[in-house]
């Protein structure tokens, strides 16, 4: 045997196929000649044969034993394929609910840890944006309140004089005031368009 053969021989994967009889004759002969030269493959083959003997003894597979079970020729390949693709346990409703809860808990923990470690770097821009939005909303609120207060003062001043006259004259004053207000709004709008 070759003492320089490494423990990670690329042909070490062929041991199971060789023991299961899944190799054709020419590849099996090539593997047998390789095992004579490679110490790691020879050791792997011995270990696999020992494991198979232990399993045979554990399951009572002896000549004439009534408990012996014949396994299909491609048993290892079928079990491997099912182990890789069987996702039956993941598809249950309880397991999906548990995975969603676990994911949310991990996301909350991540956000908490990032917030604690980053401090102002994470929360600072959001706080500044909230302060700016509150400032703009306050400015518009004050402007609206000032406009309403001015309208109330003007209406009080004019209201006493309009009501004092006869009803047709009071109605005429109201129409003139409404027309003047509309004309003022149009002038302001035209001024902003001209700019």
N, C-alpha and C. Protein backbone atom coordinates (compact mmCIF):
# COMPACT_ATOMS: atom_id res chain seq x y z
N UNK A 1 0.83 -1.18 0.00
CA UNK A 1 0.00 0.00 0.00
C UNK A 1 0.87 1.23 0.00
N UNK A 2 0.31 2.29 -0.54
CA UNK A 2 1.04 3.55 -0.65
C UNK A 2 0.91 4.33 0.65
N UNK A 3 1.98 4.53 1.40
CA UNK A 3 1.89 5.24 2.66
C UNK A 3 1.62 6.73 2.48
N UNK A 4 1.87 7.28 1.27
CA UNK A 4 1.67 8.71 1.04
C UNK A 4 0.22 9.06 0.73
N UNK A 5 -0.65 8.08 0.57
CA UNK A 5 -2.04 8.36 0.22
C UNK A 5 -2.70 9.12 1.36
N UNK A 6 -3.38 10.21 1.02
CA UNK A 6 -3.98 11.07 2.04
C UNK A 6 -5.29 10.52 2.55
N UNK A 7 -5.72 11.07 3.68
CA UNK A 7 -6.97 10.62 4.28
C UNK A 7 -8.17 11.16 3.52
N UNK A 8 -7.97 12.16 2.69
CA UNK A 8 -9.09 12.71 1.95
C UNK A 8 -8.96 12.36 0.46
N UNK A 9 -8.97 11.10 0.16
CA UNK A 9 -8.88 10.61 -1.21
C UNK A 9 -10.21 10.86 -1.91
N UNK A 10 -10.20 11.35 -3.16
CA UNK A 10 -11.45 11.62 -3.85
C UNK A 10 -12.28 10.35 -4.12
N UNK A 11 -11.64 9.20 -4.10
CA UNK A 11 -12.38 7.96 -4.37
C UNK A 11 -13.00 7.36 -3.11
N UNK A 12 -12.81 8.00 -1.94
CA UNK A 12 -13.36 7.46 -0.70
C UNK A 12 -14.88 7.45 -0.72
N UNK A 13 -15.48 8.30 -1.56
CA UNK A 13 -16.94 8.32 -1.68
C UNK A 13 -17.48 7.07 -2.36
N UNK A 14 -16.64 6.35 -3.08
CA UNK A 14 -17.10 5.17 -3.82
C UNK A 14 -17.22 3.93 -2.96
N UNK A 15 -16.81 3.99 -1.69
CA UNK A 15 -16.81 2.80 -0.83
C UNK A 15 -18.23 2.28 -0.65
N UNK A 16 -19.18 3.16 -0.34
CA UNK A 16 -20.56 2.74 -0.11
C UNK A 16 -21.17 2.14 -1.38
N UNK A 17 -20.90 2.77 -2.53
CA UNK A 17 -21.43 2.24 -3.80
C UNK A 17 -20.84 0.87 -4.10
N UNK A 18 -19.56 0.69 -3.78
CA UNK A 18 -18.92 -0.60 -4.01
C UNK A 18 -19.54 -1.69 -3.13
N UNK A 19 -19.74 -1.38 -1.85
CA UNK A 19 -20.31 -2.37 -0.93
C UNK A 19 -21.77 -2.68 -1.23
N UNK A 20 -22.52 -1.68 -1.72
CA UNK A 20 -23.93 -1.91 -2.05
C UNK A 20 -24.12 -2.62 -3.38
N UNK A 21 -23.03 -2.79 -4.13
CA UNK A 21 -23.12 -3.48 -5.42
C UNK A 21 -23.70 -2.59 -6.50
N UNK A 22 -23.58 -1.28 -6.33
CA UNK A 22 -24.13 -0.35 -7.32
C UNK A 22 -23.15 -0.06 -8.45
N UNK A 23 -21.92 -0.55 -8.36
CA UNK A 23 -20.93 -0.32 -9.42
C UNK A 23 -21.00 -1.43 -10.45
N UNK A 24 -20.76 -1.04 -11.69
CA UNK A 24 -20.64 -2.05 -12.75
C UNK A 24 -19.28 -2.73 -12.60
N UNK A 25 -19.05 -3.78 -13.41
CA UNK A 25 -17.83 -4.58 -13.27
C UNK A 25 -16.54 -3.78 -13.52
N UNK A 26 -16.41 -3.02 -14.61
CA UNK A 26 -15.13 -2.31 -14.83
C UNK A 26 -14.84 -1.27 -13.73
N UNK A 27 -15.80 -0.43 -13.30
CA UNK A 27 -15.47 0.51 -12.22
C UNK A 27 -15.17 -0.21 -10.90
N UNK A 28 -15.84 -1.35 -10.65
CA UNK A 28 -15.58 -2.09 -9.42
C UNK A 28 -14.16 -2.64 -9.44
N UNK A 29 -13.70 -3.15 -10.60
CA UNK A 29 -12.33 -3.65 -10.71
C UNK A 29 -11.31 -2.53 -10.51
N UNK A 30 -11.59 -1.36 -11.07
CA UNK A 30 -10.69 -0.22 -10.89
C UNK A 30 -10.63 0.19 -9.41
N UNK A 31 -11.80 0.15 -8.74
CA UNK A 31 -11.82 0.52 -7.33
C UNK A 31 -11.04 -0.49 -6.49
N UNK A 32 -11.18 -1.79 -6.81
CA UNK A 32 -10.45 -2.83 -6.07
C UNK A 32 -8.94 -2.63 -6.22
N UNK A 33 -8.49 -2.29 -7.44
CA UNK A 33 -7.04 -2.07 -7.62
C UNK A 33 -6.60 -0.79 -6.90
N UNK A 34 -7.47 0.19 -6.84
CA UNK A 34 -7.14 1.42 -6.12
C UNK A 34 -7.03 1.16 -4.62
N UNK A 35 -7.90 0.31 -4.09
CA UNK A 35 -7.89 0.01 -2.65
C UNK A 35 -6.58 -0.66 -2.25
N UNK A 36 -6.01 -1.45 -3.15
CA UNK A 36 -4.73 -2.11 -2.85
C UNK A 36 -3.61 -1.09 -2.69
N UNK A 37 -3.72 0.09 -3.35
CA UNK A 37 -2.66 1.09 -3.31
C UNK A 37 -2.93 2.21 -2.30
N UNK A 38 -4.21 2.49 -2.01
CA UNK A 38 -4.57 3.64 -1.17
C UNK A 38 -4.95 3.16 0.23
N UNK A 39 -4.18 3.58 1.21
CA UNK A 39 -4.43 3.13 2.59
C UNK A 39 -5.71 3.74 3.17
N UNK A 40 -6.03 4.99 2.80
CA UNK A 40 -7.23 5.61 3.36
C UNK A 40 -8.49 4.92 2.84
N UNK A 41 -8.53 4.57 1.56
CA UNK A 41 -9.71 3.88 1.00
C UNK A 41 -9.80 2.46 1.57
N UNK A 42 -8.65 1.81 1.76
CA UNK A 42 -8.67 0.47 2.35
C UNK A 42 -9.21 0.52 3.77
N UNK A 43 -8.79 1.52 4.54
CA UNK A 43 -9.30 1.68 5.90
C UNK A 43 -10.79 1.98 5.91
N UNK A 44 -11.24 2.83 5.00
CA UNK A 44 -12.67 3.15 4.92
C UNK A 44 -13.48 1.92 4.55
N UNK A 45 -12.94 1.09 3.63
CA UNK A 45 -13.63 -0.13 3.23
C UNK A 45 -13.72 -1.11 4.40
N UNK A 46 -12.64 -1.25 5.18
CA UNK A 46 -12.68 -2.12 6.36
C UNK A 46 -13.72 -1.64 7.37
N UNK A 47 -13.75 -0.33 7.63
CA UNK A 47 -14.70 0.24 8.59
C UNK A 47 -16.14 0.01 8.14
N UNK A 48 -16.39 0.21 6.85
CA UNK A 48 -17.75 0.01 6.33
C UNK A 48 -18.16 -1.47 6.44
N UNK A 49 -17.21 -2.38 6.17
CA UNK A 49 -17.54 -3.81 6.28
C UNK A 49 -17.80 -4.18 7.73
N UNK A 50 -17.02 -3.62 8.66
CA UNK A 50 -17.27 -3.88 10.09
C UNK A 50 -18.65 -3.37 10.51
N UNK A 51 -18.99 -2.20 10.04
CA UNK A 51 -20.30 -1.64 10.37
C UNK A 51 -21.42 -2.52 9.83
N UNK A 52 -21.25 -3.01 8.61
CA UNK A 52 -22.27 -3.89 8.03
C UNK A 52 -22.38 -5.20 8.82
N UNK A 53 -21.24 -5.73 9.26
CA UNK A 53 -21.28 -6.95 10.07
C UNK A 53 -21.98 -6.70 11.40
N UNK A 54 -21.70 -5.57 12.03
CA UNK A 54 -22.38 -5.23 13.28
C UNK A 54 -23.89 -5.10 13.08
N UNK A 55 -24.27 -4.47 12.00
CA UNK A 55 -25.70 -4.33 11.71
C UNK A 55 -26.35 -5.68 11.44
N UNK A 56 -25.64 -6.53 10.71
CA UNK A 56 -26.17 -7.87 10.45
C UNK A 56 -26.40 -8.62 11.75
N UNK A 57 -25.43 -8.53 12.67
CA UNK A 57 -25.58 -9.21 13.95
C UNK A 57 -26.68 -8.58 14.79
N UNK A 58 -26.79 -7.26 14.74
CA UNK A 58 -27.80 -6.59 15.55
C UNK A 58 -29.20 -6.92 15.08
N UNK A 59 -29.38 -7.06 13.79
CA UNK A 59 -30.71 -7.38 13.26
C UNK A 59 -30.94 -8.88 13.12
N UNK A 60 -29.97 -9.68 13.54
CA UNK A 60 -30.13 -11.14 13.53
C UNK A 60 -30.21 -11.73 12.14
N UNK A 61 -29.46 -11.21 11.25
CA UNK A 61 -29.51 -11.70 9.88
C UNK A 61 -28.53 -12.88 9.73
N UNK A 62 -29.00 -14.05 10.06
CA UNK A 62 -28.19 -15.26 9.93
C UNK A 62 -28.92 -16.21 9.00
N UNK A 63 -28.24 -17.21 8.59
CA UNK A 63 -28.86 -18.19 7.68
C UNK A 63 -30.01 -18.87 8.38
N UNK A 64 -31.17 -18.89 7.77
CA UNK A 64 -32.33 -19.57 8.32
C UNK A 64 -33.04 -18.78 9.40
N UNK A 65 -32.61 -17.54 9.68
CA UNK A 65 -33.26 -16.74 10.72
C UNK A 65 -34.56 -16.17 10.16
N UNK A 66 -35.64 -16.27 10.92
CA UNK A 66 -36.94 -15.81 10.45
C UNK A 66 -37.04 -14.29 10.50
N UNK A 67 -36.17 -13.64 11.28
CA UNK A 67 -36.26 -12.19 11.42
C UNK A 67 -35.51 -11.44 10.33
N UNK A 68 -34.82 -12.08 9.46
CA UNK A 68 -34.02 -11.37 8.46
C UNK A 68 -34.92 -10.66 7.46
N UNK A 69 -34.49 -9.46 7.07
CA UNK A 69 -35.24 -8.63 6.13
C UNK A 69 -34.36 -8.37 4.94
N UNK A 70 -34.89 -8.62 3.76
CA UNK A 70 -34.14 -8.33 2.55
C UNK A 70 -34.33 -6.87 2.17
N UNK A 71 -33.22 -6.14 2.06
CA UNK A 71 -33.27 -4.75 1.67
C UNK A 71 -33.12 -4.64 0.17
N UNK A 72 -33.74 -3.66 -0.46
CA UNK A 72 -33.56 -3.48 -1.90
C UNK A 72 -32.11 -3.17 -2.24
N UNK A 73 -31.76 -3.40 -3.47
CA UNK A 73 -30.37 -3.21 -3.90
C UNK A 73 -29.96 -1.73 -3.80
N UNK A 74 -30.88 -0.81 -4.08
CA UNK A 74 -30.55 0.61 -4.06
C UNK A 74 -31.06 1.28 -2.78
N UNK A 75 -31.06 0.55 -1.66
CA UNK A 75 -31.60 1.05 -0.39
C UNK A 75 -30.89 2.32 0.07
N UNK A 76 -29.57 2.35 0.01
CA UNK A 76 -28.80 3.51 0.49
C UNK A 76 -29.12 4.75 -0.33
N UNK A 77 -29.24 4.57 -1.64
CA UNK A 77 -29.54 5.71 -2.51
C UNK A 77 -30.94 6.25 -2.25
N UNK A 78 -31.92 5.37 -2.07
CA UNK A 78 -33.29 5.79 -1.82
C UNK A 78 -33.40 6.52 -0.48
N UNK A 79 -32.75 5.97 0.56
CA UNK A 79 -32.79 6.61 1.88
C UNK A 79 -32.13 7.97 1.82
N UNK A 80 -31.00 8.08 1.12
CA UNK A 80 -30.31 9.36 0.99
C UNK A 80 -31.18 10.38 0.27
N UNK A 81 -31.83 9.95 -0.82
CA UNK A 81 -32.69 10.87 -1.58
C UNK A 81 -33.86 11.34 -0.74
N UNK A 82 -34.48 10.43 0.03
CA UNK A 82 -35.60 10.83 0.88
C UNK A 82 -35.15 11.73 2.01
N UNK A 83 -33.97 11.49 2.55
CA UNK A 83 -33.48 12.32 3.64
C UNK A 83 -33.21 13.74 3.17
N UNK A 84 -32.81 13.89 1.91
CA UNK A 84 -32.52 15.22 1.38
C UNK A 84 -33.79 15.98 1.00
N UNK A 85 -34.85 15.27 0.56
CA UNK A 85 -36.03 15.95 0.04
C UNK A 85 -37.24 15.88 0.95
N UNK A 86 -37.22 15.10 2.03
CA UNK A 86 -38.40 14.96 2.87
C UNK A 86 -38.52 16.18 3.78
N UNK A 87 -39.51 17.02 3.49
CA UNK A 87 -39.75 18.22 4.28
C UNK A 87 -41.12 18.13 4.95
N UNK A 88 -41.61 16.93 5.21
CA UNK A 88 -42.94 16.74 5.78
C UNK A 88 -43.10 17.41 7.12
N UNK A 89 -42.10 17.37 7.99
CA UNK A 89 -42.21 17.96 9.31
C UNK A 89 -42.27 19.47 9.26
N UNK A 90 -41.68 20.09 8.24
CA UNK A 90 -41.67 21.54 8.13
C UNK A 90 -43.03 22.06 7.69
N UNK A 91 -43.81 21.22 7.04
CA UNK A 91 -45.06 21.68 6.47
C UNK A 91 -46.22 21.69 7.45
N UNK A 92 -46.05 21.22 8.67
CA UNK A 92 -47.17 21.20 9.60
C UNK A 92 -47.46 22.62 10.08
N UNK A 93 -48.71 22.88 10.42
CA UNK A 93 -49.14 24.22 10.81
C UNK A 93 -48.46 24.67 12.11
N UNK A 94 -48.35 23.77 13.06
CA UNK A 94 -47.73 24.13 14.34
C UNK A 94 -46.26 24.49 14.16
N UNK A 95 -45.58 23.76 13.30
CA UNK A 95 -44.16 24.05 13.08
C UNK A 95 -43.97 25.37 12.35
N UNK A 96 -44.87 25.69 11.40
CA UNK A 96 -44.78 26.98 10.72
C UNK A 96 -45.04 28.12 11.69
N UNK A 97 -46.04 27.95 12.56
CA UNK A 97 -46.34 29.00 13.54
C UNK A 97 -45.16 29.20 14.48
N UNK A 98 -44.55 28.10 14.91
CA UNK A 98 -43.38 28.20 15.79
C UNK A 98 -42.23 28.91 15.09
N UNK A 99 -42.00 28.60 13.80
CA UNK A 99 -40.89 29.23 13.08
C UNK A 99 -41.15 30.72 12.87
N UNK A 100 -42.42 31.11 12.65
CA UNK A 100 -42.73 32.54 12.51
C UNK A 100 -42.49 33.26 13.83
N UNK A 101 -42.94 32.67 14.95
CA UNK A 101 -42.73 33.29 16.25
C UNK A 101 -41.24 33.41 16.57
N UNK A 102 -40.50 32.36 16.27
CA UNK A 102 -39.06 32.39 16.51
C UNK A 102 -38.38 33.47 15.66
N UNK A 103 -38.79 33.59 14.40
CA UNK A 103 -38.20 34.61 13.52
C UNK A 103 -38.51 36.01 14.02
N UNK A 104 -39.76 36.24 14.47
CA UNK A 104 -40.11 37.56 15.00
C UNK A 104 -39.33 37.88 16.28
N UNK A 105 -39.17 36.87 17.13
CA UNK A 105 -38.40 37.10 18.36
C UNK A 105 -36.95 37.43 18.03
N UNK A 106 -36.37 36.73 17.07
CA UNK A 106 -34.99 37.02 16.68
C UNK A 106 -34.87 38.39 16.03
N UNK A 107 -35.87 38.79 15.23
CA UNK A 107 -35.84 40.12 14.62
C UNK A 107 -35.94 41.20 15.69
N UNK A 108 -36.81 41.00 16.70
CA UNK A 108 -36.93 41.98 17.78
C UNK A 108 -35.63 42.07 18.58
N UNK A 109 -35.03 40.92 18.86
CA UNK A 109 -33.77 40.92 19.59
C UNK A 109 -32.67 41.62 18.79
N UNK A 110 -32.64 41.39 17.48
CA UNK A 110 -31.64 42.05 16.63
C UNK A 110 -31.84 43.55 16.63
N UNK A 111 -33.11 43.99 16.50
CA UNK A 111 -33.38 45.42 16.51
C UNK A 111 -33.00 46.03 17.86
N UNK A 112 -33.29 45.32 18.95
CA UNK A 112 -32.93 45.82 20.27
C UNK A 112 -31.42 45.94 20.42
N UNK A 113 -30.70 44.92 19.98
CA UNK A 113 -29.24 44.96 20.10
C UNK A 113 -28.63 46.03 19.21
N UNK A 114 -29.17 46.18 17.99
CA UNK A 114 -28.66 47.23 17.11
C UNK A 114 -28.95 48.60 17.68
N UNK A 115 -30.16 48.78 18.23
CA UNK A 115 -30.51 50.07 18.81
C UNK A 115 -29.65 50.40 20.01
N UNK A 116 -29.35 49.39 20.83
CA UNK A 116 -28.53 49.63 22.01
C UNK A 116 -27.09 49.92 21.63
N UNK A 117 -26.59 49.24 20.62
CA UNK A 117 -25.19 49.43 20.27
C UNK A 117 -24.97 50.66 19.39
N UNK A 118 -25.93 50.95 18.51
CA UNK A 118 -25.73 52.06 17.59
C UNK A 118 -26.17 53.39 18.19
N UNK A 119 -27.11 53.36 19.12
CA UNK A 119 -27.55 54.58 19.80
C UNK A 119 -28.09 55.63 18.84
N UNK A 120 -27.44 56.78 18.81
CA UNK A 120 -27.91 57.90 17.99
C UNK A 120 -27.76 57.63 16.50
N UNK A 121 -26.87 56.76 16.12
CA UNK A 121 -26.68 56.49 14.70
C UNK A 121 -27.92 55.88 14.08
N UNK A 122 -28.68 55.08 14.83
CA UNK A 122 -29.89 54.45 14.30
C UNK A 122 -31.11 55.31 14.57
N UNK A 123 -31.26 55.80 15.81
CA UNK A 123 -32.46 56.52 16.20
C UNK A 123 -32.34 58.03 15.96
N UNK A 124 -31.16 58.55 15.81
CA UNK A 124 -30.96 59.98 15.62
C UNK A 124 -31.66 60.54 14.40
N UNK A 125 -31.48 59.98 13.20
CA UNK A 125 -32.18 60.51 12.02
C UNK A 125 -33.69 60.44 12.14
N UNK A 126 -34.21 59.38 12.74
CA UNK A 126 -35.67 59.27 12.89
C UNK A 126 -36.18 60.34 13.85
N UNK A 127 -35.45 60.61 14.93
CA UNK A 127 -35.86 61.65 15.87
C UNK A 127 -35.79 63.03 15.22
N UNK A 128 -34.76 63.29 14.43
CA UNK A 128 -34.63 64.58 13.74
C UNK A 128 -35.77 64.77 12.75
N UNK A 129 -36.13 63.72 12.04
CA UNK A 129 -37.24 63.79 11.09
C UNK A 129 -38.55 64.07 11.81
N UNK A 130 -38.76 63.42 12.96
CA UNK A 130 -39.98 63.64 13.74
C UNK A 130 -40.02 65.08 14.26
N UNK A 131 -38.90 65.63 14.71
CA UNK A 131 -38.86 67.01 15.18
C UNK A 131 -39.17 67.99 14.04
N UNK A 132 -38.62 67.73 12.84
CA UNK A 132 -38.87 68.61 11.70
C UNK A 132 -40.34 68.56 11.30
N UNK A 133 -40.93 67.36 11.28
CA UNK A 133 -42.34 67.23 10.92
C UNK A 133 -43.22 67.94 11.94
N UNK A 134 -42.89 67.83 13.22
CA UNK A 134 -43.66 68.51 14.26
C UNK A 134 -43.53 70.03 14.12
N UNK A 135 -42.36 70.52 13.76
CA UNK A 135 -42.14 71.96 13.58
C UNK A 135 -42.96 72.49 12.41
N UNK A 136 -42.96 71.78 11.28
CA UNK A 136 -43.74 72.21 10.11
C UNK A 136 -45.23 72.18 10.43
N UNK A 137 -45.70 71.11 11.11
CA UNK A 137 -47.11 71.02 11.48
C UNK A 137 -47.49 72.14 12.44
N UNK A 138 -46.62 72.48 13.37
CA UNK A 138 -46.88 73.59 14.30
C UNK A 138 -46.98 74.91 13.58
N UNK A 139 -46.10 75.13 12.60
CA UNK A 139 -46.11 76.37 11.84
C UNK A 139 -47.43 76.52 11.08
N UNK A 140 -47.87 75.45 10.39
CA UNK A 140 -49.14 75.51 9.66
C UNK A 140 -50.31 75.68 10.62
N UNK A 141 -50.24 75.04 11.78
CA UNK A 141 -51.31 75.19 12.77
C UNK A 141 -51.42 76.62 13.27
N UNK A 142 -50.28 77.25 13.56
CA UNK A 142 -50.29 78.65 14.03
C UNK A 142 -50.80 79.58 12.95
N UNK A 143 -50.39 79.34 11.68
CA UNK A 143 -50.86 80.19 10.58
C UNK A 143 -52.38 80.08 10.43
N UNK A 144 -52.90 78.85 10.55
CA UNK A 144 -54.35 78.66 10.43
C UNK A 144 -55.09 79.35 11.58
N UNK A 145 -54.58 79.20 12.80
CA UNK A 145 -55.21 79.86 13.94
C UNK A 145 -55.17 81.37 13.81
N UNK A 146 -54.06 81.92 13.32
CA UNK A 146 -53.96 83.37 13.12
C UNK A 146 -54.95 83.84 12.06
N UNK A 147 -55.10 83.07 10.97
CA UNK A 147 -56.05 83.44 9.91
C UNK A 147 -57.48 83.43 10.44
N UNK A 148 -57.82 82.41 11.23
CA UNK A 148 -59.17 82.33 11.80
C UNK A 148 -59.40 83.49 12.77
N UNK A 149 -58.41 83.80 13.60
CA UNK A 149 -58.55 84.92 14.55
C UNK A 149 -58.73 86.24 13.81
N UNK A 150 -57.98 86.45 12.73
CA UNK A 150 -58.12 87.68 11.95
C UNK A 150 -59.50 87.76 11.31
N UNK A 151 -59.99 86.65 10.79
CA UNK A 151 -61.32 86.64 10.18
C UNK A 151 -62.39 86.94 11.22
N UNK A 152 -62.24 86.42 12.42
CA UNK A 152 -63.22 86.67 13.48
C UNK A 152 -63.21 88.16 13.86
N UNK A 153 -62.03 88.77 13.97
CA UNK A 153 -61.93 90.19 14.31
C UNK A 153 -62.58 91.04 13.23
N UNK A 154 -62.31 90.71 11.96
CA UNK A 154 -62.88 91.48 10.85
C UNK A 154 -64.40 91.32 10.82
N UNK A 155 -64.89 90.13 11.00
CA UNK A 155 -66.32 89.90 10.98
C UNK A 155 -67.02 90.59 12.15
N UNK A 156 -66.40 90.63 13.29
CA UNK A 156 -66.99 91.33 14.44
C UNK A 156 -67.09 92.83 14.16
N UNK A 157 -66.01 93.34 13.59
CA UNK A 157 -66.01 94.78 13.32
C UNK A 157 -67.06 95.15 12.27
N UNK A 158 -67.14 94.35 11.24
CA UNK A 158 -68.11 94.62 10.18
C UNK A 158 -69.51 94.19 10.57
N UNK A 159 -69.63 93.16 11.38
CA UNK A 159 -70.94 92.61 11.72
C UNK A 159 -71.83 93.58 12.43
N UNK A 160 -71.30 94.37 13.33
CA UNK A 160 -72.11 95.33 14.06
C UNK A 160 -72.68 96.39 13.13
N UNK A 161 -71.95 96.82 12.13
CA UNK A 161 -72.41 97.85 11.20
C UNK A 161 -73.39 97.27 10.19
N UNK A 162 -73.15 96.02 9.77
CA UNK A 162 -74.03 95.44 8.76
C UNK A 162 -75.41 95.15 9.33
N UNK A 163 -75.47 94.69 10.53
CA UNK A 163 -76.74 94.33 11.13
C UNK A 163 -77.52 95.59 11.50
N UNK A 164 -76.85 96.72 11.74
CA UNK A 164 -77.51 97.93 12.19
C UNK A 164 -78.44 98.52 11.13
N UNK A 165 -78.15 98.35 9.86
CA UNK A 165 -78.98 98.93 8.80
C UNK A 165 -80.21 98.09 8.49
N UNK A 166 -81.04 98.57 7.54
CA UNK A 166 -82.20 97.79 7.13
C UNK A 166 -81.76 96.49 6.44
N UNK A 167 -82.62 95.47 6.43
CA UNK A 167 -82.23 94.16 5.86
C UNK A 167 -81.75 94.22 4.42
N UNK A 168 -82.34 94.96 3.50
CA UNK A 168 -81.79 94.97 2.13
C UNK A 168 -80.39 95.58 2.08
N UNK A 169 -80.13 96.58 2.87
CA UNK A 169 -78.80 97.20 2.88
C UNK A 169 -77.79 96.24 3.51
N UNK A 170 -78.19 95.52 4.57
CA UNK A 170 -77.30 94.56 5.22
C UNK A 170 -76.93 93.43 4.25
N UNK A 171 -77.92 92.98 3.46
CA UNK A 171 -77.65 91.92 2.47
C UNK A 171 -76.70 92.43 1.40
N UNK A 172 -76.88 93.71 0.99
CA UNK A 172 -75.98 94.28 -0.01
C UNK A 172 -74.56 94.37 0.53
N UNK A 173 -74.42 94.79 1.79
CA UNK A 173 -73.09 94.85 2.41
C UNK A 173 -72.44 93.45 2.46
N UNK A 174 -73.24 92.46 2.79
CA UNK A 174 -72.70 91.07 2.84
C UNK A 174 -72.24 90.63 1.47
N UNK A 175 -73.02 90.93 0.43
CA UNK A 175 -72.61 90.56 -0.94
C UNK A 175 -71.35 91.30 -1.36
N UNK A 176 -71.28 92.59 -1.02
CA UNK A 176 -70.07 93.35 -1.35
C UNK A 176 -68.84 92.80 -0.61
N UNK A 177 -69.03 92.43 0.64
CA UNK A 177 -67.91 91.86 1.41
C UNK A 177 -67.46 90.53 0.81
N UNK A 178 -68.41 89.67 0.43
CA UNK A 178 -68.07 88.38 -0.18
C UNK A 178 -67.37 88.60 -1.52
N UNK A 179 -67.86 89.54 -2.32
CA UNK A 179 -67.22 89.84 -3.60
C UNK A 179 -65.82 90.38 -3.42
N UNK A 180 -65.66 91.27 -2.44
CA UNK A 180 -64.33 91.82 -2.18
C UNK A 180 -63.37 90.73 -1.72
N UNK A 181 -63.86 89.80 -0.91
CA UNK A 181 -63.00 88.69 -0.45
C UNK A 181 -62.58 87.82 -1.62
N UNK A 182 -63.53 87.52 -2.52
CA UNK A 182 -63.18 86.71 -3.71
C UNK A 182 -62.20 87.45 -4.61
N UNK A 183 -62.42 88.74 -4.78
CA UNK A 183 -61.50 89.53 -5.61
C UNK A 183 -60.11 89.56 -4.99
N UNK A 184 -60.03 89.68 -3.67
CA UNK A 184 -58.73 89.67 -3.00
C UNK A 184 -58.02 88.32 -3.20
N UNK A 185 -58.78 87.24 -3.10
CA UNK A 185 -58.17 85.92 -3.31
C UNK A 185 -57.66 85.77 -4.74
N UNK A 186 -58.41 86.28 -5.73
CA UNK A 186 -57.95 86.20 -7.12
C UNK A 186 -56.70 87.04 -7.34
N UNK A 187 -56.66 88.21 -6.73
CA UNK A 187 -55.47 89.06 -6.86
C UNK A 187 -54.24 88.38 -6.25
N UNK A 188 -54.41 87.75 -5.09
CA UNK A 188 -53.28 87.05 -4.46
C UNK A 188 -52.83 85.89 -5.34
N UNK A 189 -53.79 85.18 -5.91
CA UNK A 189 -53.45 84.04 -6.79
C UNK A 189 -52.72 84.53 -8.04
N UNK A 190 -53.19 85.64 -8.64
CA UNK A 190 -52.53 86.19 -9.82
C UNK A 190 -51.13 86.69 -9.51
N UNK A 191 -50.95 87.26 -8.31
CA UNK A 191 -49.63 87.72 -7.89
C UNK A 191 -48.65 86.56 -7.81
N UNK A 192 -49.10 85.42 -7.25
CA UNK A 192 -48.21 84.26 -7.13
C UNK A 192 -47.91 83.64 -8.49
N UNK A 193 -48.86 83.72 -9.41
CA UNK A 193 -48.59 83.19 -10.76
C UNK A 193 -47.57 84.06 -11.49
N UNK A 194 -47.65 85.38 -11.30
CA UNK A 194 -46.75 86.29 -11.98
C UNK A 194 -45.32 86.13 -11.52
N UNK A 195 -45.13 85.71 -10.28
CA UNK A 195 -43.78 85.52 -9.76
C UNK A 195 -43.19 84.32 -10.41
